[in-house]
N, C-alpha and C. Protein backbone atom coordinates (compact mmCIF):
# COMPACT_ATOMS: atom_id res chain seq x y z
N UNK A 1 0.81 -1.19 -0.01
CA UNK A 1 0.03 -0.01 -0.02
C UNK A 1 0.87 1.23 0.00
N UNK A 2 0.60 2.10 -0.91
CA UNK A 2 1.42 3.32 -0.97
C UNK A 2 0.74 4.49 -0.28
N UNK A 3 1.46 5.06 0.57
CA UNK A 3 0.88 6.24 1.33
C UNK A 3 1.66 7.41 0.87
N UNK A 4 0.80 8.35 0.37
CA UNK A 4 1.40 9.59 -0.15
C UNK A 4 1.43 10.68 0.96
N UNK A 5 2.58 11.20 1.12
CA UNK A 5 2.73 12.25 2.16
C UNK A 5 2.22 13.61 1.72
N UNK A 6 1.45 14.30 2.56
CA UNK A 6 0.95 15.59 2.22
C UNK A 6 1.96 16.64 2.34
N UNK A 7 2.10 17.49 1.36
CA UNK A 7 3.11 18.53 1.48
C UNK A 7 2.99 19.39 2.74
N UNK A 8 4.01 19.84 3.29
CA UNK A 8 4.01 20.61 4.52
C UNK A 8 3.14 21.83 4.47
N UNK A 9 3.21 22.58 3.30
CA UNK A 9 2.43 23.81 3.18
C UNK A 9 0.94 23.54 3.15
N UNK A 10 0.55 22.34 2.62
CA UNK A 10 -0.91 22.00 2.62
C UNK A 10 -1.36 21.68 4.00
N UNK A 11 -0.56 20.94 4.72
CA UNK A 11 -0.90 20.67 6.13
C UNK A 11 -1.01 21.88 6.96
N UNK A 12 -0.11 22.84 6.76
CA UNK A 12 -0.25 24.08 7.50
C UNK A 12 -1.42 24.84 7.16
N UNK A 13 -1.76 24.78 5.86
CA UNK A 13 -3.02 25.58 5.47
C UNK A 13 -4.25 24.99 6.13
N UNK A 14 -4.31 23.60 6.15
CA UNK A 14 -5.45 22.94 6.75
C UNK A 14 -5.53 23.24 8.23
N UNK A 15 -4.38 23.21 8.90
CA UNK A 15 -4.33 23.47 10.34
C UNK A 15 -4.82 24.90 10.66
N UNK A 16 -4.32 25.82 9.84
CA UNK A 16 -4.77 27.18 10.00
C UNK A 16 -6.21 27.41 9.83
N UNK A 17 -6.79 26.74 8.83
CA UNK A 17 -8.22 26.87 8.62
C UNK A 17 -8.99 26.21 9.76
N UNK A 18 -8.47 25.13 10.28
CA UNK A 18 -9.12 24.47 11.39
C UNK A 18 -9.17 25.34 12.63
N UNK A 19 -8.01 25.91 12.99
CA UNK A 19 -7.87 26.84 14.13
C UNK A 19 -8.76 28.05 13.97
N UNK A 20 -8.76 28.60 12.73
CA UNK A 20 -9.65 29.73 12.48
C UNK A 20 -11.12 29.43 12.69
N UNK A 21 -11.55 28.23 12.28
CA UNK A 21 -12.90 27.83 12.44
C UNK A 21 -13.29 27.64 13.85
N UNK A 22 -12.37 27.11 14.66
CA UNK A 22 -12.61 26.94 16.13
C UNK A 22 -12.71 28.30 16.78
N UNK A 23 -11.83 29.24 16.49
CA UNK A 23 -11.94 30.65 17.07
C UNK A 23 -13.23 31.24 16.69
N UNK A 24 -13.66 31.15 15.41
CA UNK A 24 -14.91 31.72 14.99
C UNK A 24 -16.06 31.16 15.76
N UNK A 25 -16.09 29.92 15.96
CA UNK A 25 -17.14 29.19 16.66
C UNK A 25 -17.24 29.73 18.10
N UNK A 26 -16.00 29.79 18.72
CA UNK A 26 -15.97 30.29 20.14
C UNK A 26 -16.50 31.74 20.24
N UNK A 27 -16.14 32.56 19.25
CA UNK A 27 -16.66 33.90 19.29
C UNK A 27 -18.14 33.98 19.14
N UNK A 28 -18.72 33.13 18.27
CA UNK A 28 -20.20 33.09 18.10
C UNK A 28 -20.87 32.77 19.44
N UNK A 29 -20.27 31.77 20.16
CA UNK A 29 -20.88 31.39 21.46
C UNK A 29 -20.68 32.54 22.36
N UNK A 30 -19.57 33.26 22.37
CA UNK A 30 -19.40 34.41 23.29
C UNK A 30 -20.40 35.52 23.06
N UNK A 31 -20.61 35.81 21.72
CA UNK A 31 -21.62 36.87 21.45
C UNK A 31 -23.01 36.50 21.99
N UNK A 32 -23.39 35.23 21.74
CA UNK A 32 -24.69 34.78 22.15
C UNK A 32 -24.83 34.77 23.67
N UNK A 33 -23.81 34.40 24.45
CA UNK A 33 -23.87 34.41 25.89
C UNK A 33 -23.92 35.88 26.39
N UNK A 34 -23.10 36.75 25.81
CA UNK A 34 -23.11 38.12 26.27
C UNK A 34 -24.47 38.74 26.00
N UNK A 35 -25.12 38.38 24.91
CA UNK A 35 -26.50 38.99 24.62
C UNK A 35 -27.47 38.52 25.60
N UNK A 36 -27.40 37.11 25.85
CA UNK A 36 -28.32 36.54 26.89
C UNK A 36 -28.20 37.18 28.25
N UNK A 37 -26.95 37.48 28.71
CA UNK A 37 -26.76 38.12 30.02
C UNK A 37 -27.27 39.55 29.94
N UNK A 38 -27.12 40.28 28.86
CA UNK A 38 -27.60 41.62 28.75
C UNK A 38 -29.08 41.64 28.77
N UNK A 39 -29.81 40.65 28.10
CA UNK A 39 -31.29 40.54 28.10
C UNK A 39 -31.75 40.22 29.51
N UNK A 40 -30.99 39.24 30.21
CA UNK A 40 -31.48 38.83 31.51
C UNK A 40 -31.46 39.94 32.55
N UNK A 41 -30.52 40.91 32.33
CA UNK A 41 -30.44 42.02 33.31
C UNK A 41 -31.17 43.25 32.92
N UNK A 42 -31.78 43.24 31.73
CA UNK A 42 -32.49 44.42 31.20
C UNK A 42 -33.93 44.41 31.71
N UNK A 43 -34.47 45.60 31.89
CA UNK A 43 -35.92 45.76 32.30
C UNK A 43 -36.73 45.21 31.18
N UNK A 44 -37.60 44.21 31.50
CA UNK A 44 -38.49 43.59 30.51
C UNK A 44 -37.76 42.61 29.59
N UNK A 45 -36.45 42.43 29.80
CA UNK A 45 -35.67 41.47 28.96
C UNK A 45 -35.50 41.86 27.56
N UNK A 46 -35.52 43.18 27.27
CA UNK A 46 -35.43 43.71 25.91
C UNK A 46 -34.10 44.48 25.75
N UNK A 47 -33.29 43.96 24.77
CA UNK A 47 -32.07 44.66 24.45
C UNK A 47 -31.99 44.95 22.95
N UNK A 48 -31.66 46.17 22.57
CA UNK A 48 -31.67 46.53 21.15
C UNK A 48 -30.52 45.73 20.47
N UNK A 49 -30.84 44.97 19.40
CA UNK A 49 -29.77 44.09 18.78
C UNK A 49 -28.74 44.96 18.07
N UNK A 50 -27.51 44.50 17.98
CA UNK A 50 -26.48 45.16 17.23
C UNK A 50 -26.57 44.71 15.78
N UNK A 51 -26.14 45.58 14.85
CA UNK A 51 -26.18 45.24 13.44
C UNK A 51 -25.37 43.93 13.16
N UNK A 52 -25.83 43.04 12.31
CA UNK A 52 -25.16 41.82 12.01
C UNK A 52 -23.69 42.02 11.60
N UNK A 53 -23.32 43.18 11.09
CA UNK A 53 -21.91 43.46 10.53
C UNK A 53 -21.01 43.82 11.70
N UNK A 54 -21.53 43.99 12.94
CA UNK A 54 -20.67 44.39 14.11
C UNK A 54 -19.65 43.30 14.35
N UNK A 55 -18.34 43.61 14.47
CA UNK A 55 -17.28 42.57 14.74
C UNK A 55 -17.60 41.87 16.03
N UNK A 56 -17.32 40.56 16.09
CA UNK A 56 -17.72 39.72 17.19
C UNK A 56 -17.14 40.22 18.55
N UNK A 57 -15.78 40.58 18.53
CA UNK A 57 -15.20 41.01 19.74
C UNK A 57 -15.92 42.33 20.21
N UNK A 58 -16.19 43.17 19.31
CA UNK A 58 -16.87 44.43 19.76
C UNK A 58 -18.27 44.13 20.26
N UNK A 59 -18.99 43.18 19.64
CA UNK A 59 -20.30 42.84 20.10
C UNK A 59 -20.28 42.31 21.53
N UNK A 60 -19.27 41.44 21.85
CA UNK A 60 -19.17 40.92 23.18
C UNK A 60 -18.88 42.01 24.19
N UNK A 61 -18.07 42.90 23.81
CA UNK A 61 -17.74 44.06 24.71
C UNK A 61 -18.98 44.96 24.95
N UNK A 62 -19.68 45.22 23.91
CA UNK A 62 -20.82 46.12 24.02
C UNK A 62 -22.01 45.52 24.80
N UNK A 63 -22.23 44.20 24.55
CA UNK A 63 -23.25 43.53 25.38
C UNK A 63 -22.84 43.42 26.79
N UNK A 64 -21.52 43.24 27.03
CA UNK A 64 -21.05 43.09 28.44
C UNK A 64 -21.16 44.45 29.13
N UNK A 65 -20.89 45.54 28.45
CA UNK A 65 -21.04 46.89 28.99
C UNK A 65 -22.48 47.17 29.34
N UNK A 66 -23.40 46.72 28.47
CA UNK A 66 -24.85 46.90 28.68
C UNK A 66 -25.27 46.10 29.93
N UNK A 67 -24.85 44.89 30.04
CA UNK A 67 -25.18 44.09 31.24
C UNK A 67 -24.70 44.72 32.55
N UNK A 68 -23.53 45.22 32.52
CA UNK A 68 -22.95 45.84 33.67
C UNK A 68 -23.77 47.08 34.02
N UNK A 69 -24.10 47.87 33.06
CA UNK A 69 -24.86 49.05 33.32
C UNK A 69 -26.26 48.68 33.93
N UNK A 70 -26.88 47.64 33.40
CA UNK A 70 -28.20 47.13 33.94
C UNK A 70 -28.11 46.75 35.42
N UNK A 71 -27.06 46.01 35.67
CA UNK A 71 -26.87 45.51 37.07
C UNK A 71 -26.56 46.70 38.03
N UNK A 72 -25.75 47.65 37.60
CA UNK A 72 -25.46 48.81 38.43
C UNK A 72 -26.69 49.58 38.66
N UNK A 73 -27.56 49.74 37.68
CA UNK A 73 -28.83 50.54 37.78
C UNK A 73 -29.71 49.85 38.90
N UNK A 74 -29.80 48.51 38.81
CA UNK A 74 -30.61 47.77 39.81
C UNK A 74 -30.07 48.00 41.18
N UNK A 75 -28.72 47.98 41.35
CA UNK A 75 -28.13 48.13 42.65
C UNK A 75 -28.35 49.52 43.18
N UNK A 76 -28.23 50.51 42.27
CA UNK A 76 -28.44 51.91 42.76
C UNK A 76 -29.94 52.11 43.15
N UNK A 77 -30.84 51.52 42.38
CA UNK A 77 -32.26 51.65 42.69
C UNK A 77 -32.59 51.03 44.02
N UNK A 78 -32.00 49.87 44.30
CA UNK A 78 -32.25 49.15 45.55
C UNK A 78 -31.75 50.00 46.71
N UNK A 79 -30.52 50.58 46.51
CA UNK A 79 -29.92 51.35 47.58
C UNK A 79 -30.78 52.62 47.91
N UNK A 80 -31.30 53.18 46.85
CA UNK A 80 -32.18 54.36 47.01
C UNK A 80 -33.48 54.01 47.83
N UNK A 81 -34.01 52.87 47.47
CA UNK A 81 -35.22 52.38 48.20
C UNK A 81 -34.94 52.19 49.66
N UNK A 82 -33.80 51.61 49.97
CA UNK A 82 -33.47 51.37 51.39
C UNK A 82 -33.26 52.69 52.11
N UNK A 83 -32.65 53.66 51.46
CA UNK A 83 -32.41 54.94 52.09
C UNK A 83 -33.76 55.62 52.43
N UNK A 84 -34.63 55.55 51.43
CA UNK A 84 -36.01 56.17 51.62
C UNK A 84 -36.74 55.47 52.75
N UNK A 85 -36.61 54.15 52.83
CA UNK A 85 -37.28 53.43 53.88
C UNK A 85 -36.71 53.76 55.21
N UNK A 86 -35.45 53.97 55.30
CA UNK A 86 -34.75 54.35 56.56
C UNK A 86 -35.15 55.76 57.05
N UNK A 87 -35.59 56.61 56.08
CA UNK A 87 -36.02 58.02 56.42
C UNK A 87 -37.58 57.99 56.73
N UNK A 88 -38.18 56.81 56.71
CA UNK A 88 -39.66 56.79 57.00
C UNK A 88 -40.43 57.15 55.72
N UNK A 89 -39.97 56.85 54.54
CA UNK A 89 -40.60 57.21 53.34
C UNK A 89 -41.78 56.33 52.93
N UNK A 90 -42.71 56.06 53.86
CA UNK A 90 -43.82 55.19 53.50
C UNK A 90 -43.60 53.70 53.85
N UNK A 91 -42.54 53.31 54.47
CA UNK A 91 -42.25 51.95 54.87
C UNK A 91 -41.64 51.90 56.24
N UNK A 92 -41.64 50.81 56.89
CA UNK A 92 -41.01 50.71 58.23
C UNK A 92 -39.53 50.99 58.14
N UNK A 93 -38.97 51.55 59.13
CA UNK A 93 -37.57 51.88 59.05
C UNK A 93 -36.68 50.60 58.91
N UNK A 94 -35.75 50.66 57.95
CA UNK A 94 -34.92 49.50 57.73
C UNK A 94 -35.49 48.46 56.88
N UNK A 95 -36.74 48.67 56.35
CA UNK A 95 -37.41 47.67 55.46
C UNK A 95 -37.63 48.26 54.11
N UNK A 96 -37.13 47.60 53.04
CA UNK A 96 -37.38 48.05 51.74
C UNK A 96 -38.80 47.78 51.27
N UNK A 97 -39.31 48.69 50.40
CA UNK A 97 -40.71 48.42 49.86
C UNK A 97 -40.73 47.13 49.06
N UNK A 98 -41.92 46.54 48.88
CA UNK A 98 -41.96 45.28 48.17
C UNK A 98 -41.43 45.39 46.81
N UNK A 99 -40.68 44.38 46.42
CA UNK A 99 -40.01 44.32 45.06
C UNK A 99 -41.03 44.17 43.97
N UNK A 100 -40.80 44.85 42.81
CA UNK A 100 -41.65 44.64 41.73
C UNK A 100 -40.99 43.74 40.70
N UNK A 101 -41.75 43.08 39.81
CA UNK A 101 -41.22 42.11 38.89
C UNK A 101 -40.45 42.83 37.80
N UNK A 102 -40.64 44.16 37.58
CA UNK A 102 -39.92 44.83 36.63
C UNK A 102 -40.65 44.79 35.28
N UNK A 103 -39.99 45.44 34.26
CA UNK A 103 -40.60 45.40 32.98
C UNK A 103 -41.54 46.59 32.77
N UNK A 104 -42.21 46.66 31.62
CA UNK A 104 -42.99 47.82 31.29
C UNK A 104 -44.32 47.84 32.17
N UNK A 105 -44.98 49.02 32.20
CA UNK A 105 -46.21 49.12 32.97
C UNK A 105 -47.37 49.42 32.02
N UNK A 106 -48.59 48.88 32.32
CA UNK A 106 -49.77 49.08 31.50
C UNK A 106 -50.92 49.29 32.31
N UNK A 107 -51.79 50.10 31.89
CA UNK A 107 -53.13 50.43 32.58
C UNK A 107 -54.14 49.38 32.21
N UNK A 108 -54.93 48.99 33.23
CA UNK A 108 -56.07 48.00 32.94
C UNK A 108 -56.96 48.65 31.90
N UNK A 109 -57.39 47.87 30.93
CA UNK A 109 -58.25 48.36 29.87
C UNK A 109 -57.55 48.72 28.62
N UNK A 110 -56.22 48.64 28.66
CA UNK A 110 -55.44 48.98 27.52
C UNK A 110 -54.63 47.69 26.99
N UNK A 111 -53.79 47.84 25.99
CA UNK A 111 -53.03 46.73 25.49
C UNK A 111 -51.55 47.02 25.60
N UNK A 112 -50.78 46.05 26.25
CA UNK A 112 -49.34 46.14 26.32
C UNK A 112 -48.75 45.69 25.02
N UNK A 113 -47.81 46.48 24.59
CA UNK A 113 -47.11 46.22 23.31
C UNK A 113 -45.62 46.04 23.69
N UNK A 114 -45.04 44.83 23.42
CA UNK A 114 -43.62 44.55 23.75
C UNK A 114 -42.88 44.16 22.44
N UNK A 115 -41.91 44.99 22.04
CA UNK A 115 -41.18 44.59 20.79
C UNK A 115 -39.99 43.81 21.22
N UNK A 116 -39.75 42.68 20.56
CA UNK A 116 -38.66 41.77 20.81
C UNK A 116 -37.74 41.62 19.57
N UNK A 117 -36.61 41.01 19.77
CA UNK A 117 -35.68 40.74 18.68
C UNK A 117 -35.24 39.26 18.80
N UNK A 118 -35.52 38.49 17.76
CA UNK A 118 -35.16 37.10 17.76
C UNK A 118 -33.95 36.93 16.88
N UNK A 119 -32.80 36.48 17.60
CA UNK A 119 -31.56 36.39 16.92
C UNK A 119 -31.20 34.93 16.56
N UNK A 120 -30.58 34.75 15.42
CA UNK A 120 -30.04 33.43 15.01
C UNK A 120 -28.55 33.54 14.87
N UNK A 121 -27.78 33.09 15.88
CA UNK A 121 -26.30 33.21 15.80
C UNK A 121 -25.73 32.04 14.96
N UNK A 122 -26.50 31.08 14.64
CA UNK A 122 -25.94 29.88 13.99
C UNK A 122 -25.76 29.95 12.50
N UNK A 123 -25.38 28.86 11.83
CA UNK A 123 -25.09 28.77 10.45
C UNK A 123 -26.32 28.31 9.62
N UNK A 124 -27.34 27.80 10.32
CA UNK A 124 -28.52 27.30 9.63
C UNK A 124 -29.72 28.19 9.88
N UNK A 125 -30.58 28.36 8.90
CA UNK A 125 -31.78 29.15 9.11
C UNK A 125 -32.74 28.58 10.13
N UNK A 126 -33.41 29.47 10.86
CA UNK A 126 -34.46 29.02 11.76
C UNK A 126 -35.80 29.23 11.05
N UNK A 127 -36.49 28.12 10.75
CA UNK A 127 -37.60 28.27 9.90
C UNK A 127 -38.94 27.98 10.68
N UNK A 128 -39.96 28.59 10.13
CA UNK A 128 -41.32 28.44 10.63
C UNK A 128 -41.49 28.57 12.18
N UNK A 129 -40.88 29.58 12.73
CA UNK A 129 -41.05 29.86 14.12
C UNK A 129 -42.46 30.37 14.35
N UNK A 130 -43.18 29.75 15.26
CA UNK A 130 -44.56 30.09 15.55
C UNK A 130 -44.74 30.41 17.05
N UNK A 131 -44.70 31.67 17.41
CA UNK A 131 -44.86 32.01 18.82
C UNK A 131 -46.13 31.58 19.43
N UNK A 132 -46.07 31.12 20.65
CA UNK A 132 -47.34 30.67 21.34
C UNK A 132 -47.14 30.95 22.85
N UNK A 133 -48.29 31.07 23.48
CA UNK A 133 -48.35 31.42 24.90
C UNK A 133 -48.41 30.08 25.73
N UNK A 134 -47.59 29.94 26.68
CA UNK A 134 -47.68 28.73 27.45
C UNK A 134 -48.39 28.93 28.81
N UNK A 135 -48.29 30.17 29.33
CA UNK A 135 -49.06 30.46 30.59
C UNK A 135 -49.03 31.99 30.81
N UNK A 136 -50.02 32.43 31.62
CA UNK A 136 -50.14 33.71 32.11
C UNK A 136 -50.27 33.62 33.60
N UNK A 137 -49.38 34.34 34.36
CA UNK A 137 -49.32 34.17 35.81
C UNK A 137 -49.00 35.44 36.48
N UNK A 138 -49.19 35.45 37.80
CA UNK A 138 -48.71 36.59 38.64
C UNK A 138 -47.21 36.35 38.89
N UNK A 139 -46.55 37.39 39.30
CA UNK A 139 -45.05 37.20 39.57
C UNK A 139 -44.78 36.14 40.60
N UNK A 140 -45.78 35.91 41.52
CA UNK A 140 -45.63 34.92 42.55
C UNK A 140 -45.73 33.49 41.98
N UNK A 141 -46.21 33.36 40.73
CA UNK A 141 -46.34 32.01 40.16
C UNK A 141 -47.80 31.59 40.09
N UNK A 142 -48.68 32.31 40.71
CA UNK A 142 -50.14 31.92 40.70
C UNK A 142 -50.71 32.18 39.32
N UNK A 143 -51.48 31.21 38.82
CA UNK A 143 -52.10 31.26 37.52
C UNK A 143 -53.03 32.51 37.37
N UNK A 144 -52.88 33.24 36.25
CA UNK A 144 -53.70 34.35 36.06
C UNK A 144 -54.45 34.36 34.66
N UNK A 145 -54.52 33.08 34.18
CA UNK A 145 -55.22 32.95 32.88
C UNK A 145 -56.64 33.24 32.94
N UNK A 146 -57.28 33.30 34.13
CA UNK A 146 -58.65 33.65 34.29
C UNK A 146 -58.86 35.13 34.25
N UNK A 147 -57.79 35.91 34.36
CA UNK A 147 -57.83 37.38 34.24
C UNK A 147 -57.41 37.87 32.94
N UNK A 148 -56.21 37.37 32.45
CA UNK A 148 -55.67 37.69 31.13
C UNK A 148 -55.68 36.43 30.39
N UNK A 149 -56.58 36.24 29.39
CA UNK A 149 -56.65 34.95 28.66
C UNK A 149 -55.50 34.75 27.78
N UNK A 150 -54.83 33.58 27.83
CA UNK A 150 -53.63 33.38 26.93
C UNK A 150 -54.02 33.48 25.54
N UNK A 151 -55.22 33.05 25.10
CA UNK A 151 -55.56 33.11 23.67
C UNK A 151 -55.79 34.52 23.13
N UNK A 152 -55.87 35.54 24.12
CA UNK A 152 -56.05 36.90 23.67
C UNK A 152 -54.68 37.52 23.25
N UNK A 153 -53.65 36.92 23.67
CA UNK A 153 -52.26 37.43 23.33
C UNK A 153 -51.97 37.14 21.87
N UNK A 154 -51.47 38.12 21.14
CA UNK A 154 -51.17 37.88 19.68
C UNK A 154 -49.80 38.33 19.41
N UNK A 155 -49.31 37.81 18.26
CA UNK A 155 -48.00 38.06 17.85
C UNK A 155 -47.94 38.57 16.42
N UNK A 156 -47.03 39.47 16.16
CA UNK A 156 -46.86 39.98 14.80
C UNK A 156 -45.35 39.93 14.47
N UNK A 157 -44.90 39.09 13.50
CA UNK A 157 -45.77 38.20 12.71
C UNK A 157 -46.14 36.94 13.50
N UNK A 158 -47.17 36.24 13.04
CA UNK A 158 -47.60 35.01 13.69
C UNK A 158 -46.65 33.78 13.38
N UNK A 159 -45.98 33.93 12.26
CA UNK A 159 -44.93 32.87 11.88
C UNK A 159 -43.82 33.52 11.09
N UNK A 160 -42.62 33.16 11.27
CA UNK A 160 -41.52 33.79 10.59
C UNK A 160 -40.27 32.97 10.56
N UNK A 161 -39.29 33.26 9.68
CA UNK A 161 -38.04 32.66 9.54
C UNK A 161 -36.95 33.63 10.02
N UNK A 162 -35.78 33.11 10.45
CA UNK A 162 -34.71 33.97 10.80
C UNK A 162 -33.40 33.36 10.06
N UNK A 163 -32.83 34.16 9.19
CA UNK A 163 -31.69 33.71 8.42
C UNK A 163 -30.49 33.56 9.32
N UNK A 164 -29.50 32.78 8.91
CA UNK A 164 -28.27 32.55 9.75
C UNK A 164 -27.60 33.92 10.04
N UNK A 165 -27.11 34.08 11.29
CA UNK A 165 -26.42 35.25 11.77
C UNK A 165 -27.29 36.48 11.49
N UNK A 166 -28.54 36.44 11.69
CA UNK A 166 -29.47 37.63 11.46
C UNK A 166 -30.47 37.61 12.57
N UNK A 167 -31.31 38.58 12.54
CA UNK A 167 -32.34 38.64 13.50
C UNK A 167 -33.64 39.14 12.84
N UNK A 168 -34.78 38.91 13.46
CA UNK A 168 -36.04 39.44 13.07
C UNK A 168 -36.82 40.03 14.20
N UNK A 169 -37.63 41.01 13.96
CA UNK A 169 -38.38 41.63 15.00
C UNK A 169 -39.72 40.87 15.27
N UNK A 170 -40.07 40.77 16.48
CA UNK A 170 -41.31 40.13 16.89
C UNK A 170 -42.02 41.08 17.93
N UNK A 171 -43.21 41.38 17.67
CA UNK A 171 -44.04 42.22 18.62
C UNK A 171 -45.12 41.40 19.26
N UNK A 172 -45.19 41.53 20.61
CA UNK A 172 -46.15 40.78 21.42
C UNK A 172 -47.18 41.81 21.93
N UNK A 173 -48.43 41.57 21.70
CA UNK A 173 -49.59 42.41 22.19
C UNK A 173 -50.36 41.61 23.21
N UNK A 174 -50.46 42.25 24.44
CA UNK A 174 -51.17 41.61 25.53
C UNK A 174 -52.32 42.49 25.95
N UNK A 175 -53.56 42.16 25.54
CA UNK A 175 -54.78 43.00 26.00
C UNK A 175 -54.99 42.75 27.51
N UNK A 176 -55.15 43.85 28.19
CA UNK A 176 -55.31 43.78 29.67
C UNK A 176 -56.80 44.24 29.94
N UNK A 177 -57.64 43.27 30.34
CA UNK A 177 -59.03 43.67 30.63
C UNK A 177 -59.22 44.79 31.71
N UNK A 178 -60.34 45.47 31.66
CA UNK A 178 -60.66 46.55 32.59
C UNK A 178 -60.59 46.06 34.07
N UNK A 179 -61.04 44.82 34.30
CA UNK A 179 -61.15 44.31 35.69
C UNK A 179 -59.83 43.73 36.18
N UNK A 180 -58.77 43.82 35.44
CA UNK A 180 -57.48 43.25 35.91
C UNK A 180 -56.95 43.91 37.14
N UNK A 181 -56.71 43.25 38.25
CA UNK A 181 -56.25 43.87 39.47
C UNK A 181 -54.80 44.33 39.25
N UNK A 182 -54.48 45.39 39.82
CA UNK A 182 -53.07 45.96 39.77
C UNK A 182 -52.07 44.93 40.35
N UNK A 183 -50.94 44.96 39.85
CA UNK A 183 -49.86 44.00 40.29
C UNK A 183 -48.91 43.57 39.20
N UNK A 184 -48.03 42.68 39.58
CA UNK A 184 -46.95 42.21 38.67
C UNK A 184 -47.45 40.83 37.95
N UNK A 185 -47.25 40.81 36.70
CA UNK A 185 -47.68 39.65 35.88
C UNK A 185 -46.58 39.21 34.99
N UNK A 186 -46.72 37.99 34.50
CA UNK A 186 -45.75 37.45 33.56
C UNK A 186 -46.54 36.68 32.50
N UNK A 187 -46.07 36.82 31.19
CA UNK A 187 -46.56 36.00 30.10
C UNK A 187 -45.34 35.09 29.71
N UNK A 188 -45.57 33.80 29.80
CA UNK A 188 -44.54 32.83 29.44
C UNK A 188 -44.89 32.33 28.04
N UNK A 189 -43.96 32.52 27.09
CA UNK A 189 -44.17 32.15 25.76
C UNK A 189 -43.04 31.35 25.22
N UNK A 190 -43.21 30.82 24.04
CA UNK A 190 -42.10 30.04 23.34
C UNK A 190 -42.24 30.29 21.83
N UNK A 191 -41.18 30.12 21.09
CA UNK A 191 -41.20 30.31 19.67
C UNK A 191 -41.57 29.08 18.85
N UNK A 192 -41.98 28.04 19.59
CA UNK A 192 -42.41 26.78 18.99
C UNK A 192 -42.58 25.74 20.03
N UNK A 193 -43.16 24.62 19.64
CA UNK A 193 -43.47 23.60 20.64
C UNK A 193 -42.22 22.98 21.31
N UNK A 194 -41.13 22.95 20.61
CA UNK A 194 -39.89 22.34 21.17
C UNK A 194 -38.92 23.46 21.70
N UNK A 195 -39.33 24.72 21.64
CA UNK A 195 -38.44 25.86 22.03
C UNK A 195 -38.54 26.14 23.53
N UNK A 196 -37.47 26.70 24.10
CA UNK A 196 -37.46 26.99 25.54
C UNK A 196 -38.46 28.15 25.90
N UNK A 197 -38.76 28.24 27.20
CA UNK A 197 -39.61 29.35 27.68
C UNK A 197 -38.94 30.69 27.56
N UNK A 198 -39.72 31.68 27.24
CA UNK A 198 -39.33 33.08 27.35
C UNK A 198 -40.35 33.85 28.17
N UNK A 199 -39.84 34.65 29.12
CA UNK A 199 -40.81 35.31 30.04
C UNK A 199 -40.87 36.82 29.88
N UNK A 200 -42.04 37.36 29.65
CA UNK A 200 -42.24 38.83 29.63
C UNK A 200 -42.87 39.27 30.89
N UNK A 201 -42.17 40.04 31.71
CA UNK A 201 -42.69 40.56 33.03
C UNK A 201 -43.23 42.02 32.74
N UNK A 202 -44.34 42.30 33.38
CA UNK A 202 -44.99 43.59 33.30
C UNK A 202 -45.80 43.89 34.51
N UNK A 203 -46.19 45.15 34.69
CA UNK A 203 -47.01 45.49 35.85
C UNK A 203 -48.27 46.18 35.35
N UNK A 204 -49.38 45.78 35.89
CA UNK A 204 -50.62 46.45 35.68
C UNK A 204 -50.77 47.52 36.84
N UNK A 205 -51.04 48.81 36.34
CA UNK A 205 -51.10 49.83 37.38
C UNK A 205 -52.33 50.62 37.26
N UNK A 206 -52.57 51.48 38.34
CA UNK A 206 -53.69 52.39 38.34
C UNK A 206 -53.43 53.45 37.28
N UNK A 207 -54.55 54.13 36.87
CA UNK A 207 -54.41 55.18 35.82
C UNK A 207 -53.37 56.21 36.20
N UNK A 208 -53.32 56.58 37.44
CA UNK A 208 -52.43 57.67 37.92
C UNK A 208 -50.95 57.25 37.86
N UNK A 209 -50.69 55.88 37.75
CA UNK A 209 -49.28 55.44 37.81
C UNK A 209 -48.86 55.16 36.42
N UNK A 210 -49.74 54.97 35.41
CA UNK A 210 -49.29 54.58 34.07
C UNK A 210 -48.43 55.63 33.47
N UNK A 211 -47.35 55.26 32.77
CA UNK A 211 -46.45 56.19 32.15
C UNK A 211 -45.62 55.56 31.14
């Protein structure tokens, strides 16, 4: 059996291409993780997507800075609440006011509109994504489907594709009936039957609080 030796320059070229592919894949994962962290720390879980042409290192840094700013904002807000409580600002001394679930606020009798961005960081297209509501609940976990019907929530578009390394906009509309009690709520949705849960947190407020 004759074994032909591969020229050194060919092997070097293949090795370089392999290393480049691994680095590219690692950067893709880094961008996705940085964006997930930024969304997890943002109010309502909404982060403005970066243009697809943004260099990966720059995207990781920018999403990281966004996440840091979100966390710092939460810490500052919590500190301010504690200071007000210590001065007798409507709560017992040394006790912070009840925490809110965060996210946008909506008045009962109106419709909450939440714009989202669905990103595909992979090499294959994401086809026929069909958003669906899995549950509507209070922030405490108690079912609230008897107040805000899951079937009343609608999506625009109702079905869509996302090209590789691209994103598409998705808008969620949540009609809030007149009789909805004020408080913190969550809509748990998914982009398909086999897709993971996504949670939109929002607060139903009195007319004087809406803004």
